[in-house]
Amino acid sequence: MDQIKIGRYLQELRKEKGLTQEQLADKVCVARRTVSRWETGSNLPDLDILIELSDLYGVGLRELLDGERKSEDMNKEMEETVLKVAEYSNEEKSRFLRRLHYMFIAGFIGFVLFAVISIMGLENTSPYEAIGSFGLGVAFGMVIIGMIFTSRYAGKIREFKMRLLHRQ
């Protein structure tokens, strides 16, 4: 896939519609800078945004991905398949974000437990010392997990995990 070619084509389609980068960004709910990155070929839109752009510009998804106009229309079955894949991708993304959200909540609760015990001066009493240490450990662990999941290494970790699971 030639990202630069796709970017030029996206720019051409945007200009044909008479839209500025900022107007397009508002329509698809992204930053203007993101549209600029698409058009320079440094990034590509997510699949759900590609579908939205396809509808907006009145071109087939295949045309967008090839970066050029096609005389034939996209096969209806192919379009339905792509829409299902996009829907699945969005569901996966929302499940991931929901899990990440719960982990951050757990970390926040752990930190609050530690802070309350420390502020009350109970960190040196037997049961509260363990609870405070546990809360701080949970908070610290969730921060580290959050950093890993939101970094570029998350995909590599997932691929490694999948390779391990398929071997067993």
N, C-alpha and C. Protein backbone atom coordinates (compact mmCIF):
# COMPACT_ATOMS: atom_id res chain seq x y z
N MET A 1 0.84 -1.16 0.00
CA MET A 1 0.00 0.00 0.00
C MET A 1 0.90 1.24 0.00
N ASP A 2 0.67 2.11 -0.93
CA ASP A 2 1.48 3.32 -1.09
C ASP A 2 0.80 4.47 -0.33
N GLN A 3 1.29 4.75 0.89
CA GLN A 3 0.66 5.76 1.74
C GLN A 3 0.72 7.16 1.11
N ILE A 4 1.81 7.46 0.44
CA ILE A 4 1.94 8.79 -0.16
C ILE A 4 0.92 8.96 -1.29
N LYS A 5 0.73 7.92 -2.07
CA LYS A 5 -0.26 7.96 -3.16
C LYS A 5 -1.67 8.11 -2.58
N ILE A 6 -1.95 7.38 -1.52
CA ILE A 6 -3.26 7.48 -0.87
C ILE A 6 -3.45 8.89 -0.30
N GLY A 7 -2.40 9.43 0.30
CA GLY A 7 -2.47 10.78 0.85
C GLY A 7 -2.75 11.83 -0.20
N ARG A 8 -2.09 11.72 -1.34
CA ARG A 8 -2.35 12.67 -2.44
C ARG A 8 -3.79 12.56 -2.92
N TYR A 9 -4.28 11.32 -3.00
CA TYR A 9 -5.64 11.10 -3.46
C TYR A 9 -6.65 11.67 -2.46
N LEU A 10 -6.39 11.49 -1.16
CA LEU A 10 -7.27 12.07 -0.15
C LEU A 10 -7.28 13.59 -0.24
N GLN A 11 -6.11 14.18 -0.51
CA GLN A 11 -6.03 15.63 -0.66
C GLN A 11 -6.82 16.09 -1.88
N GLU A 12 -6.67 15.36 -2.97
CA GLU A 12 -7.39 15.68 -4.20
C GLU A 12 -8.91 15.62 -3.98
N LEU A 13 -9.38 14.58 -3.31
CA LEU A 13 -10.81 14.44 -3.05
C LEU A 13 -11.32 15.55 -2.14
N ARG A 14 -10.53 15.90 -1.13
CA ARG A 14 -10.92 16.98 -0.22
C ARG A 14 -11.07 18.29 -0.96
N LYS A 15 -10.09 18.57 -1.84
CA LYS A 15 -10.13 19.83 -2.59
C LYS A 15 -11.30 19.84 -3.58
N GLU A 16 -11.62 18.67 -4.18
CA GLU A 16 -12.76 18.58 -5.08
C GLU A 16 -14.06 18.93 -4.36
N LYS A 17 -14.14 18.55 -3.09
CA LYS A 17 -15.34 18.86 -2.29
C LYS A 17 -15.32 20.30 -1.79
N GLY A 18 -14.20 20.99 -1.99
CA GLY A 18 -14.09 22.38 -1.56
C GLY A 18 -13.95 22.53 -0.05
N LEU A 19 -13.33 21.55 0.57
CA LEU A 19 -13.16 21.58 2.02
C LEU A 19 -11.72 21.94 2.39
N THR A 20 -11.57 22.65 3.49
CA THR A 20 -10.24 22.87 4.05
C THR A 20 -9.91 21.67 4.94
N GLN A 21 -8.65 21.57 5.32
CA GLN A 21 -8.27 20.49 6.23
C GLN A 21 -9.03 20.61 7.55
N GLU A 22 -9.20 21.82 8.00
CA GLU A 22 -9.90 22.04 9.27
C GLU A 22 -11.37 21.64 9.17
N GLN A 23 -12.02 21.97 8.05
CA GLN A 23 -13.42 21.60 7.87
C GLN A 23 -13.58 20.08 7.83
N LEU A 24 -12.67 19.41 7.12
CA LEU A 24 -12.72 17.95 7.06
C LEU A 24 -12.48 17.35 8.44
N ALA A 25 -11.53 17.91 9.15
CA ALA A 25 -11.22 17.42 10.50
C ALA A 25 -12.46 17.52 11.40
N ASP A 26 -13.19 18.62 11.29
CA ASP A 26 -14.41 18.78 12.08
C ASP A 26 -15.46 17.74 11.69
N LYS A 27 -15.57 17.44 10.40
CA LYS A 27 -16.57 16.48 9.94
C LYS A 27 -16.30 15.06 10.43
N VAL A 28 -15.03 14.67 10.51
CA VAL A 28 -14.69 13.30 10.92
C VAL A 28 -14.17 13.22 12.35
N CYS A 29 -14.26 14.35 13.08
CA CYS A 29 -13.91 14.41 14.51
C CYS A 29 -12.45 14.03 14.79
N VAL A 30 -11.54 14.64 14.05
CA VAL A 30 -10.11 14.48 14.30
C VAL A 30 -9.48 15.87 14.30
N ALA A 31 -8.21 15.93 14.62
CA ALA A 31 -7.50 17.21 14.60
C ALA A 31 -7.09 17.55 13.16
N ARG A 32 -6.93 18.84 12.87
CA ARG A 32 -6.51 19.26 11.54
C ARG A 32 -5.15 18.68 11.21
N ARG A 33 -4.32 18.58 12.22
CA ARG A 33 -2.98 18.03 12.03
C ARG A 33 -3.04 16.56 11.56
N THR A 34 -4.03 15.84 12.04
CA THR A 34 -4.22 14.45 11.63
C THR A 34 -4.54 14.37 10.15
N VAL A 35 -5.41 15.26 9.68
CA VAL A 35 -5.75 15.30 8.25
C VAL A 35 -4.49 15.61 7.44
N SER A 36 -3.68 16.53 7.92
CA SER A 36 -2.43 16.86 7.25
C SER A 36 -1.52 15.65 7.15
N ARG A 37 -1.44 14.88 8.22
CA ARG A 37 -0.60 13.68 8.21
C ARG A 37 -1.11 12.63 7.23
N TRP A 38 -2.44 12.53 7.10
CA TRP A 38 -3.00 11.61 6.10
C TRP A 38 -2.58 12.03 4.71
N GLU A 39 -2.69 13.33 4.46
CA GLU A 39 -2.46 13.83 3.11
C GLU A 39 -0.98 13.85 2.73
N THR A 40 -0.10 13.88 3.70
CA THR A 40 1.33 13.79 3.39
C THR A 40 1.80 12.34 3.32
N GLY A 41 0.94 11.42 3.74
CA GLY A 41 1.29 10.01 3.68
C GLY A 41 2.06 9.51 4.87
N SER A 42 2.16 10.32 5.93
CA SER A 42 2.89 9.84 7.10
C SER A 42 2.01 8.94 7.98
N ASN A 43 0.71 9.07 7.88
CA ASN A 43 -0.24 8.21 8.60
C ASN A 43 -1.41 7.90 7.69
N LEU A 44 -2.16 6.86 8.03
CA LEU A 44 -3.39 6.53 7.33
C LEU A 44 -4.55 6.60 8.31
N PRO A 45 -5.72 6.96 7.83
CA PRO A 45 -6.89 6.97 8.72
C PRO A 45 -7.23 5.56 9.18
N ASP A 46 -7.88 5.46 10.35
CA ASP A 46 -8.40 4.18 10.81
C ASP A 46 -9.46 3.71 9.82
N LEU A 47 -9.77 2.43 9.89
CA LEU A 47 -10.71 1.84 8.95
C LEU A 47 -12.08 2.48 9.03
N ASP A 48 -12.57 2.76 10.24
CA ASP A 48 -13.88 3.39 10.36
C ASP A 48 -13.90 4.80 9.75
N ILE A 49 -12.79 5.51 9.86
CA ILE A 49 -12.72 6.84 9.25
C ILE A 49 -12.59 6.72 7.74
N LEU A 50 -11.88 5.71 7.25
CA LEU A 50 -11.80 5.49 5.80
C LEU A 50 -13.19 5.26 5.22
N ILE A 51 -14.00 4.50 5.94
CA ILE A 51 -15.37 4.25 5.47
C ILE A 51 -16.17 5.55 5.46
N GLU A 52 -15.99 6.35 6.49
CA GLU A 52 -16.68 7.65 6.56
C GLU A 52 -16.22 8.56 5.41
N LEU A 53 -14.91 8.57 5.13
CA LEU A 53 -14.40 9.38 4.03
C LEU A 53 -14.93 8.87 2.69
N SER A 54 -15.04 7.56 2.56
CA SER A 54 -15.58 6.96 1.34
C SER A 54 -16.99 7.46 1.08
N ASP A 55 -17.81 7.48 2.14
CA ASP A 55 -19.18 7.98 2.01
C ASP A 55 -19.19 9.48 1.72
N LEU A 56 -18.35 10.22 2.41
CA LEU A 56 -18.31 11.68 2.25
C LEU A 56 -17.93 12.07 0.82
N TYR A 57 -16.92 11.39 0.28
CA TYR A 57 -16.42 11.74 -1.05
C TYR A 57 -17.18 11.02 -2.17
N GLY A 58 -17.98 10.03 -1.83
CA GLY A 58 -18.74 9.30 -2.83
C GLY A 58 -17.86 8.41 -3.70
N VAL A 59 -16.83 7.83 -3.12
CA VAL A 59 -15.95 6.92 -3.85
C VAL A 59 -15.92 5.59 -3.10
N GLY A 60 -15.49 4.56 -3.78
CA GLY A 60 -15.41 3.25 -3.16
C GLY A 60 -14.21 3.16 -2.22
N LEU A 61 -14.33 2.26 -1.28
CA LEU A 61 -13.24 2.05 -0.33
C LEU A 61 -11.99 1.54 -1.05
N ARG A 62 -12.20 0.72 -2.05
CA ARG A 62 -11.07 0.20 -2.82
C ARG A 62 -10.30 1.35 -3.48
N GLU A 63 -11.04 2.34 -3.99
CA GLU A 63 -10.39 3.51 -4.60
C GLU A 63 -9.53 4.24 -3.58
N LEU A 64 -10.06 4.42 -2.37
CA LEU A 64 -9.28 5.12 -1.34
C LEU A 64 -8.02 4.35 -1.00
N LEU A 65 -8.14 3.03 -0.87
CA LEU A 65 -6.98 2.22 -0.49
C LEU A 65 -5.97 2.09 -1.61
N ASP A 66 -6.43 2.19 -2.87
CA ASP A 66 -5.51 2.14 -4.00
C ASP A 66 -4.92 3.51 -4.31
N GLY A 67 -5.60 4.56 -3.85
CA GLY A 67 -5.11 5.92 -4.08
C GLY A 67 -5.36 6.42 -5.48
N GLU A 68 -6.36 5.84 -6.15
CA GLU A 68 -6.69 6.28 -7.51
C GLU A 68 -8.13 5.91 -7.82
N ARG A 69 -8.67 6.60 -8.81
CA ARG A 69 -10.05 6.35 -9.22
C ARG A 69 -10.14 5.04 -10.00
N LYS A 70 -11.23 4.34 -9.77
CA LYS A 70 -11.49 3.09 -10.48
C LYS A 70 -12.78 3.26 -11.26
N SER A 71 -12.84 2.63 -12.41
CA SER A 71 -14.06 2.73 -13.21
C SER A 71 -15.14 1.78 -12.69
N GLU A 72 -14.75 0.69 -12.05
CA GLU A 72 -15.71 -0.27 -11.54
C GLU A 72 -16.08 0.04 -10.10
N ASP A 73 -17.30 -0.26 -9.73
CA ASP A 73 -17.75 -0.06 -8.35
C ASP A 73 -17.28 -1.22 -7.49
N MET A 74 -17.15 -0.94 -6.22
CA MET A 74 -16.71 -1.98 -5.29
C MET A 74 -17.81 -3.02 -5.13
N ASN A 75 -17.42 -4.27 -5.11
CA ASN A 75 -18.35 -5.36 -4.94
C ASN A 75 -19.10 -5.19 -3.61
N LYS A 76 -20.42 -5.35 -3.65
CA LYS A 76 -21.24 -5.13 -2.47
C LYS A 76 -20.85 -6.08 -1.33
N GLU A 77 -20.56 -7.33 -1.65
CA GLU A 77 -20.16 -8.28 -0.61
C GLU A 77 -18.86 -7.84 0.05
N MET A 78 -17.93 -7.36 -0.76
CA MET A 78 -16.65 -6.90 -0.23
C MET A 78 -16.86 -5.73 0.71
N GLU A 79 -17.74 -4.82 0.35
CA GLU A 79 -18.01 -3.66 1.18
C GLU A 79 -18.63 -4.08 2.51
N GLU A 80 -19.56 -5.04 2.46
CA GLU A 80 -20.17 -5.53 3.69
C GLU A 80 -19.14 -6.20 4.58
N THR A 81 -18.22 -6.94 3.99
CA THR A 81 -17.17 -7.60 4.76
C THR A 81 -16.29 -6.56 5.44
N VAL A 82 -15.92 -5.54 4.70
CA VAL A 82 -15.08 -4.48 5.26
C VAL A 82 -15.81 -3.76 6.39
N LEU A 83 -17.10 -3.53 6.23
CA LEU A 83 -17.88 -2.89 7.28
C LEU A 83 -17.92 -3.76 8.54
N LYS A 84 -18.05 -5.07 8.36
CA LYS A 84 -18.04 -5.97 9.51
C LYS A 84 -16.69 -5.96 10.20
N VAL A 85 -15.62 -5.94 9.42
CA VAL A 85 -14.27 -5.89 10.00
C VAL A 85 -14.09 -4.59 10.78
N ALA A 86 -14.58 -3.48 10.22
CA ALA A 86 -14.47 -2.19 10.90
C ALA A 86 -15.25 -2.21 12.20
N GLU A 87 -16.43 -2.79 12.18
CA GLU A 87 -17.26 -2.89 13.38
C GLU A 87 -16.55 -3.73 14.44
N TYR A 88 -15.99 -4.85 14.01
CA TYR A 88 -15.25 -5.71 14.95
C TYR A 88 -14.06 -4.97 15.54
N SER A 89 -13.35 -4.24 14.67
CA SER A 89 -12.19 -3.48 15.13
C SER A 89 -12.59 -2.44 16.17
N ASN A 90 -13.70 -1.78 15.94
CA ASN A 90 -14.18 -0.78 16.90
C ASN A 90 -14.59 -1.42 18.22
N GLU A 91 -15.21 -2.61 18.15
CA GLU A 91 -15.59 -3.31 19.37
C GLU A 91 -14.34 -3.71 20.16
N GLU A 92 -13.32 -4.22 19.46
CA GLU A 92 -12.08 -4.60 20.12
C GLU A 92 -11.45 -3.39 20.80
N LYS A 93 -11.44 -2.27 20.09
CA LYS A 93 -10.84 -1.05 20.64
C LYS A 93 -11.60 -0.58 21.87
N SER A 94 -12.92 -0.64 21.83
CA SER A 94 -13.70 -0.18 22.98
C SER A 94 -13.54 -1.12 24.17
N ARG A 95 -13.44 -2.44 23.92
CA ARG A 95 -13.19 -3.39 25.01
C ARG A 95 -11.84 -3.11 25.66
N PHE A 96 -10.84 -2.87 24.83
CA PHE A 96 -9.50 -2.57 25.34
C PHE A 96 -9.52 -1.30 26.18
N LEU A 97 -10.15 -0.24 25.69
CA LEU A 97 -10.20 1.01 26.44
C LEU A 97 -10.99 0.86 27.74
N ARG A 98 -12.04 0.04 27.71
CA ARG A 98 -12.82 -0.19 28.93
C ARG A 98 -11.96 -0.90 29.98
N ARG A 99 -11.19 -1.90 29.57
CA ARG A 99 -10.30 -2.61 30.50
C ARG A 99 -9.25 -1.66 31.06
N LEU A 100 -8.68 -0.84 30.19
CA LEU A 100 -7.68 0.11 30.63
C LEU A 100 -8.28 1.10 31.63
N HIS A 101 -9.51 1.52 31.36
CA HIS A 101 -10.21 2.43 32.26
C HIS A 101 -10.39 1.80 33.64
N TYR A 102 -10.81 0.54 33.68
CA TYR A 102 -10.98 -0.14 34.96
C TYR A 102 -9.66 -0.27 35.71
N MET A 103 -8.58 -0.53 34.98
CA MET A 103 -7.28 -0.64 35.64
C MET A 103 -6.87 0.70 36.24
N PHE A 104 -7.11 1.79 35.54
CA PHE A 104 -6.76 3.10 36.09
C PHE A 104 -7.62 3.43 37.30
N ILE A 105 -8.89 3.02 37.28
CA ILE A 105 -9.75 3.24 38.45
C ILE A 105 -9.20 2.45 39.65
N ALA A 106 -8.80 1.20 39.42
CA ALA A 106 -8.23 0.39 40.51
C ALA A 106 -6.97 1.05 41.05
N GLY A 107 -6.13 1.55 40.16
CA GLY A 107 -4.92 2.24 40.60
C GLY A 107 -5.24 3.49 41.39
N PHE A 108 -6.23 4.24 40.96
CA PHE A 108 -6.63 5.46 41.66
C PHE A 108 -7.16 5.12 43.05
N ILE A 109 -7.98 4.08 43.14
CA ILE A 109 -8.52 3.67 44.44
C ILE A 109 -7.37 3.24 45.36
N GLY A 110 -6.41 2.50 44.82
CA GLY A 110 -5.25 2.09 45.61
C GLY A 110 -4.47 3.29 46.12
N PHE A 111 -4.29 4.28 45.26
CA PHE A 111 -3.56 5.47 45.67
C PHE A 111 -4.33 6.24 46.75
N VAL A 112 -5.66 6.34 46.59
CA VAL A 112 -6.48 7.03 47.59
C VAL A 112 -6.38 6.32 48.94
N LEU A 113 -6.44 4.98 48.93
CA LEU A 113 -6.27 4.22 50.19
C LEU A 113 -4.95 4.57 50.86
N PHE A 114 -3.89 4.54 50.07
CA PHE A 114 -2.56 4.87 50.61
C PHE A 114 -2.54 6.30 51.16
N ALA A 115 -3.09 7.23 50.40
CA ALA A 115 -3.07 8.64 50.82
C ALA A 115 -3.86 8.85 52.10
N VAL A 116 -5.04 8.24 52.19
CA VAL A 116 -5.87 8.41 53.39
C VAL A 116 -5.15 7.84 54.62
N ILE A 117 -4.57 6.67 54.48
CA ILE A 117 -3.87 6.05 55.61
C ILE A 117 -2.66 6.90 56.00
N SER A 118 -1.96 7.44 55.01
CA SER A 118 -0.79 8.27 55.31
C SER A 118 -1.19 9.58 55.98
N ILE A 119 -2.24 10.21 55.47
CA ILE A 119 -2.69 11.49 56.03
C ILE A 119 -3.16 11.31 57.46
N MET A 120 -3.83 10.19 57.74
CA MET A 120 -4.33 9.94 59.10
C MET A 120 -3.23 9.49 60.04
N GLY A 121 -2.03 9.26 59.51
CA GLY A 121 -0.90 8.86 60.35
C GLY A 121 -0.98 7.42 60.81
N LEU A 122 -1.67 6.59 60.08
CA LEU A 122 -1.86 5.19 60.47
C LEU A 122 -0.92 4.25 59.74
N GLU A 123 0.04 4.78 58.99
CA GLU A 123 0.89 3.91 58.17
C GLU A 123 1.81 3.00 58.97
N ASN A 124 1.99 3.28 60.26
CA ASN A 124 2.87 2.45 61.07
C ASN A 124 2.12 1.46 61.97
N THR A 125 0.78 1.46 61.89
CA THR A 125 0.01 0.49 62.67
C THR A 125 -0.21 -0.75 61.83
N SER A 126 -0.25 -1.87 62.48
CA SER A 126 -0.18 -3.17 61.82
C SER A 126 -1.16 -3.39 60.66
N PRO A 127 -2.47 -3.34 60.84
CA PRO A 127 -3.33 -3.67 59.69
C PRO A 127 -3.31 -2.58 58.61
N TYR A 128 -3.16 -1.33 59.04
CA TYR A 128 -3.19 -0.24 58.07
C TYR A 128 -1.92 -0.15 57.24
N GLU A 129 -0.82 -0.57 57.82
CA GLU A 129 0.44 -0.57 57.07
C GLU A 129 0.34 -1.50 55.86
N ALA A 130 -0.23 -2.67 56.06
CA ALA A 130 -0.39 -3.63 54.96
C ALA A 130 -1.36 -3.10 53.91
N ILE A 131 -2.46 -2.52 54.37
CA ILE A 131 -3.47 -1.98 53.43
C ILE A 131 -2.87 -0.83 52.62
N GLY A 132 -2.16 0.07 53.29
CA GLY A 132 -1.53 1.19 52.60
C GLY A 132 -0.49 0.74 51.59
N SER A 133 0.34 -0.23 51.99
CA SER A 133 1.35 -0.76 51.07
C SER A 133 0.70 -1.44 49.88
N PHE A 134 -0.37 -2.20 50.14
CA PHE A 134 -1.09 -2.85 49.05
C PHE A 134 -1.68 -1.81 48.10
N GLY A 135 -2.30 -0.77 48.66
CA GLY A 135 -2.89 0.29 47.83
C GLY A 135 -1.84 0.97 46.97
N LEU A 136 -0.69 1.27 47.56
CA LEU A 136 0.38 1.91 46.80
C LEU A 136 0.92 0.97 45.72
N GLY A 137 1.02 -0.31 46.05
CA GLY A 137 1.48 -1.30 45.06
C GLY A 137 0.52 -1.41 43.89
N VAL A 138 -0.78 -1.43 44.18
CA VAL A 138 -1.79 -1.48 43.11
C VAL A 138 -1.69 -0.24 42.24
N ALA A 139 -1.59 0.92 42.87
CA ALA A 139 -1.50 2.17 42.11
C ALA A 139 -0.27 2.17 41.21
N PHE A 140 0.87 1.81 41.76
CA PHE A 140 2.10 1.78 40.99
C PHE A 140 2.02 0.76 39.86
N GLY A 141 1.48 -0.41 40.15
CA GLY A 141 1.32 -1.45 39.13
C GLY A 141 0.42 -1.01 37.99
N MET A 142 -0.67 -0.35 38.31
CA MET A 142 -1.61 0.09 37.27
C MET A 142 -1.00 1.20 36.40
N VAL A 143 -0.18 2.04 37.00
CA VAL A 143 0.51 3.07 36.21
C VAL A 143 1.46 2.41 35.22
N ILE A 144 2.21 1.42 35.68
CA ILE A 144 3.15 0.72 34.79
C ILE A 144 2.40 -0.01 33.69
N ILE A 145 1.33 -0.73 34.06
CA ILE A 145 0.54 -1.44 33.04
C ILE A 145 -0.05 -0.44 32.06
N GLY A 146 -0.56 0.67 32.54
CA GLY A 146 -1.11 1.69 31.65
C GLY A 146 -0.07 2.23 30.69
N MET A 147 1.15 2.44 31.18
CA MET A 147 2.22 2.93 30.31
C MET A 147 2.57 1.90 29.24
N ILE A 148 2.60 0.63 29.62
CA ILE A 148 2.91 -0.42 28.65
C ILE A 148 1.80 -0.52 27.61
N PHE A 149 0.55 -0.54 28.06
CA PHE A 149 -0.57 -0.69 27.13
C PHE A 149 -0.71 0.48 26.16
N THR A 150 -0.35 1.66 26.61
CA THR A 150 -0.49 2.82 25.73
C THR A 150 0.77 3.11 24.93
N SER A 151 1.79 2.30 25.10
CA SER A 151 3.02 2.52 24.35
C SER A 151 2.98 1.74 23.04
N ARG A 152 4.00 1.91 22.25
CA ARG A 152 4.06 1.21 20.97
C ARG A 152 4.41 -0.26 21.15
N TYR A 153 4.79 -0.66 22.35
CA TYR A 153 5.17 -2.05 22.59
C TYR A 153 3.96 -2.94 22.89
N ALA A 154 2.79 -2.36 23.10
CA ALA A 154 1.61 -3.14 23.43
C ALA A 154 1.29 -4.15 22.33
N GLY A 155 1.39 -3.74 21.09
CA GLY A 155 1.12 -4.65 19.97
C GLY A 155 2.11 -5.80 19.93
N LYS A 156 3.37 -5.50 20.21
CA LYS A 156 4.40 -6.55 20.21
C LYS A 156 4.16 -7.54 21.34
N ILE A 157 3.76 -7.03 22.49
CA ILE A 157 3.46 -7.90 23.62
C ILE A 157 2.27 -8.80 23.30
N ARG A 158 1.25 -8.24 22.67
CA ARG A 158 0.08 -9.03 22.29
C ARG A 158 0.45 -10.11 21.28
N GLU A 159 1.26 -9.77 20.28
CA GLU A 159 1.70 -10.76 19.29
C GLU A 159 2.47 -11.89 19.96
N PHE A 160 3.36 -11.55 20.90
CA PHE A 160 4.12 -12.55 21.62
C PHE A 160 3.19 -13.47 22.42
N LYS A 161 2.20 -12.86 23.07
CA LYS A 161 1.25 -13.64 23.83
C LYS A 161 0.47 -14.59 22.94
N MET A 162 0.04 -14.12 21.77
CA MET A 162 -0.70 -14.97 20.85
C MET A 162 0.17 -16.12 20.33
N ARG A 163 1.44 -15.85 20.08
CA ARG A 163 2.34 -16.92 19.63
C ARG A 163 2.48 -17.98 20.71
N LEU A 164 2.59 -17.55 21.96
CA LEU A 164 2.69 -18.50 23.07
C LEU A 164 1.43 -19.33 23.21
N LEU A 165 0.27 -18.68 23.08
CA LEU A 165 -1.00 -19.40 23.24
C LEU A 165 -1.22 -20.42 22.12
N HIS A 166 -0.79 -20.10 20.91
CA HIS A 166 -0.98 -21.02 19.79
C HIS A 166 -0.03 -22.21 19.86
N ARG A 167 1.07 -22.08 20.57
CA ARG A 167 2.03 -23.18 20.68
C ARG A 167 1.58 -24.21 21.69
N GLN A 168 0.78 -23.81 22.66
CA GLN A 168 0.37 -24.75 23.72
C GLN A 168 -0.71 -25.68 23.25
